[in-house]
Amino acid sequence: MNITLRQAIHQRVNDKSPEELKEVIEDSIGGEEKVLPGLGVLFEIIWQHSEASTQDTLVETLKAHLT
């Protein structure tokens, strides 16, 4: 059975509690580069299900910390 990276990430975190999801994110940040695609998938989910105002806040936060 072939599954995509997105599907694998979804399966890995599907039944996690909010606390467990936070732990997954925090453990991945600053970790090995191989976890970065997983963070990208999680960010994609957040982005797709956020209102425009939340997306604007995320972009502003990102921009503020890139300089």
N, C-alpha and C. Protein backbone atom coordinates (compact mmCIF):
# COMPACT_ATOMS: atom_id res chain seq x y z
N MET A 1 0.85 -1.18 0.00
CA MET A 1 0.00 0.00 0.00
C MET A 1 0.89 1.23 0.00
N ASN A 2 0.69 2.11 -0.95
CA ASN A 2 1.45 3.34 -1.02
C ASN A 2 0.61 4.49 -0.47
N ILE A 3 1.18 5.22 0.48
CA ILE A 3 0.49 6.39 0.99
C ILE A 3 1.41 7.59 0.83
N THR A 4 0.80 8.75 0.73
CA THR A 4 1.58 9.97 0.57
C THR A 4 2.09 10.44 1.93
N LEU A 5 3.02 11.37 1.88
CA LEU A 5 3.54 11.96 3.12
C LEU A 5 2.40 12.60 3.91
N ARG A 6 1.54 13.31 3.20
CA ARG A 6 0.40 13.95 3.88
C ARG A 6 -0.45 12.91 4.60
N GLN A 7 -0.74 11.82 3.92
CA GLN A 7 -1.57 10.77 4.53
C GLN A 7 -0.88 10.17 5.75
N ALA A 8 0.43 9.96 5.65
CA ALA A 8 1.17 9.38 6.77
C ALA A 8 1.15 10.31 7.98
N ILE A 9 1.32 11.60 7.75
CA ILE A 9 1.29 12.58 8.84
C ILE A 9 -0.11 12.62 9.45
N HIS A 10 -1.12 12.66 8.61
CA HIS A 10 -2.50 12.66 9.11
C HIS A 10 -2.74 11.44 9.99
N GLN A 11 -2.32 10.27 9.55
CA GLN A 11 -2.51 9.05 10.33
C GLN A 11 -1.76 9.11 11.65
N ARG A 12 -0.56 9.70 11.62
CA ARG A 12 0.27 9.75 12.83
C ARG A 12 -0.36 10.62 13.92
N VAL A 13 -1.04 11.69 13.53
CA VAL A 13 -1.54 12.64 14.52
C VAL A 13 -3.05 12.62 14.67
N ASN A 14 -3.74 11.82 13.91
CA ASN A 14 -5.20 11.83 13.86
C ASN A 14 -5.86 11.70 15.23
N ASP A 15 -5.41 10.81 16.05
CA ASP A 15 -6.08 10.55 17.33
C ASP A 15 -5.40 11.21 18.53
N LYS A 16 -4.51 12.16 18.27
CA LYS A 16 -3.78 12.81 19.36
C LYS A 16 -4.66 13.86 20.04
N SER A 17 -4.45 14.03 21.33
CA SER A 17 -5.12 15.09 22.07
C SER A 17 -4.44 16.42 21.75
N PRO A 18 -5.07 17.54 22.08
CA PRO A 18 -4.41 18.83 21.86
C PRO A 18 -3.04 18.91 22.53
N GLU A 19 -2.92 18.36 23.71
CA GLU A 19 -1.63 18.38 24.41
C GLU A 19 -0.58 17.55 23.66
N GLU A 20 -1.01 16.40 23.15
CA GLU A 20 -0.10 15.55 22.39
C GLU A 20 0.31 16.21 21.07
N LEU A 21 -0.64 16.90 20.42
CA LEU A 21 -0.32 17.62 19.19
C LEU A 21 0.72 18.70 19.46
N LYS A 22 0.54 19.42 20.56
CA LYS A 22 1.51 20.46 20.93
C LYS A 22 2.88 19.84 21.16
N GLU A 23 2.92 18.71 21.80
CA GLU A 23 4.19 18.02 22.05
C GLU A 23 4.86 17.59 20.75
N VAL A 24 4.06 17.08 19.81
CA VAL A 24 4.61 16.69 18.50
C VAL A 24 5.25 17.91 17.83
N ILE A 25 4.56 19.03 17.85
CA ILE A 25 5.08 20.25 17.23
C ILE A 25 6.34 20.72 17.94
N GLU A 26 6.29 20.81 19.25
CA GLU A 26 7.45 21.30 20.01
C GLU A 26 8.65 20.38 19.87
N ASP A 27 8.42 19.08 19.83
CA ASP A 27 9.52 18.13 19.66
C ASP A 27 10.15 18.23 18.27
N SER A 28 9.35 18.63 17.29
CA SER A 28 9.83 18.72 15.91
C SER A 28 10.61 20.01 15.64
N ILE A 29 10.23 21.08 16.32
CA ILE A 29 10.88 22.37 16.10
C ILE A 29 12.31 22.32 16.60
N GLY A 30 13.21 22.71 15.73
CA GLY A 30 14.63 22.72 16.09
C GLY A 30 15.26 21.34 16.06
N GLY A 31 14.50 20.36 15.65
CA GLY A 31 15.01 19.00 15.59
C GLY A 31 15.67 18.71 14.27
N GLU A 32 15.71 17.46 13.94
CA GLU A 32 16.33 17.03 12.70
C GLU A 32 15.55 17.57 11.50
N GLU A 33 16.27 17.82 10.42
CA GLU A 33 15.63 18.37 9.22
C GLU A 33 14.61 17.42 8.62
N LYS A 34 14.75 16.14 8.90
CA LYS A 34 13.81 15.19 8.31
C LYS A 34 12.38 15.37 8.83
N VAL A 35 12.19 16.09 9.95
CA VAL A 35 10.84 16.32 10.47
C VAL A 35 10.20 17.56 9.87
N LEU A 36 10.96 18.37 9.15
CA LEU A 36 10.41 19.61 8.59
C LEU A 36 9.23 19.37 7.64
N PRO A 37 9.26 18.37 6.78
CA PRO A 37 8.07 18.14 5.94
C PRO A 37 6.81 17.86 6.76
N GLY A 38 6.97 17.18 7.87
CA GLY A 38 5.82 16.92 8.73
C GLY A 38 5.25 18.19 9.32
N LEU A 39 6.13 19.10 9.72
CA LEU A 39 5.67 20.39 10.22
C LEU A 39 4.96 21.16 9.12
N GLY A 40 5.47 21.02 7.90
CA GLY A 40 4.82 21.67 6.77
C GLY A 40 3.41 21.16 6.55
N VAL A 41 3.22 19.88 6.70
CA VAL A 41 1.88 19.29 6.54
C VAL A 41 0.96 19.80 7.65
N LEU A 42 1.47 19.87 8.87
CA LEU A 42 0.65 20.37 9.97
C LEU A 42 0.31 21.84 9.76
N PHE A 43 1.28 22.63 9.29
CA PHE A 43 1.01 24.04 9.00
C PHE A 43 -0.02 24.18 7.88
N GLU A 44 0.07 23.32 6.88
CA GLU A 44 -0.90 23.35 5.79
C GLU A 44 -2.32 23.14 6.32
N ILE A 45 -2.48 22.22 7.24
CA ILE A 45 -3.80 21.96 7.83
C ILE A 45 -4.29 23.20 8.58
N ILE A 46 -3.40 23.78 9.38
CA ILE A 46 -3.77 24.99 10.13
C ILE A 46 -4.18 26.09 9.15
N TRP A 47 -3.37 26.32 8.13
CA TRP A 47 -3.62 27.39 7.17
C TRP A 47 -4.96 27.19 6.46
N GLN A 48 -5.20 25.98 6.00
CA GLN A 48 -6.43 25.70 5.23
C GLN A 48 -7.69 25.87 6.06
N HIS A 49 -7.57 25.73 7.37
CA HIS A 49 -8.75 25.79 8.22
C HIS A 49 -8.77 27.02 9.12
N SER A 50 -7.99 28.03 8.75
CA SER A 50 -7.96 29.28 9.50
C SER A 50 -8.68 30.38 8.71
N GLU A 51 -9.27 31.28 9.46
CA GLU A 51 -9.91 32.43 8.82
C GLU A 51 -8.83 33.36 8.29
N ALA A 52 -9.22 34.24 7.40
CA ALA A 52 -8.28 35.17 6.78
C ALA A 52 -7.55 36.02 7.82
N SER A 53 -8.23 36.42 8.87
CA SER A 53 -7.60 37.24 9.91
C SER A 53 -6.51 36.46 10.64
N THR A 54 -6.73 35.19 10.88
CA THR A 54 -5.72 34.35 11.51
C THR A 54 -4.54 34.15 10.57
N GLN A 55 -4.82 33.93 9.29
CA GLN A 55 -3.75 33.80 8.30
C GLN A 55 -2.91 35.08 8.26
N ASP A 56 -3.58 36.24 8.30
CA ASP A 56 -2.85 37.51 8.31
C ASP A 56 -1.94 37.62 9.53
N THR A 57 -2.44 37.19 10.69
CA THR A 57 -1.64 37.21 11.92
C THR A 57 -0.44 36.28 11.80
N LEU A 58 -0.64 35.11 11.25
CA LEU A 58 0.46 34.17 11.06
C LEU A 58 1.53 34.77 10.15
N VAL A 59 1.10 35.39 9.05
CA VAL A 59 2.04 36.00 8.12
C VAL A 59 2.78 37.16 8.79
N GLU A 60 2.08 37.97 9.55
CA GLU A 60 2.71 39.09 10.26
C GLU A 60 3.74 38.58 11.27
N THR A 61 3.40 37.53 11.99
CA THR A 61 4.33 36.94 12.94
C THR A 61 5.57 36.41 12.23
N LEU A 62 5.36 35.72 11.15
CA LEU A 62 6.47 35.20 10.36
C LEU A 62 7.35 36.33 9.87
N LYS A 63 6.76 37.34 9.28
CA LYS A 63 7.52 38.46 8.73
C LYS A 63 8.32 39.16 9.83
N ALA A 64 7.72 39.34 10.98
CA ALA A 64 8.39 40.03 12.09
C ALA A 64 9.62 39.27 12.58
N HIS A 65 9.63 37.98 12.38
CA HIS A 65 10.74 37.18 12.90
C HIS A 65 11.73 36.74 11.82
N LEU A 66 11.50 37.18 10.59
CA LEU A 66 12.45 36.90 9.53
C LEU A 66 13.53 37.97 9.41
N THR A 67 13.25 39.12 9.96
CA THR A 67 14.21 40.23 9.84
C THR A 67 15.16 40.28 10.99
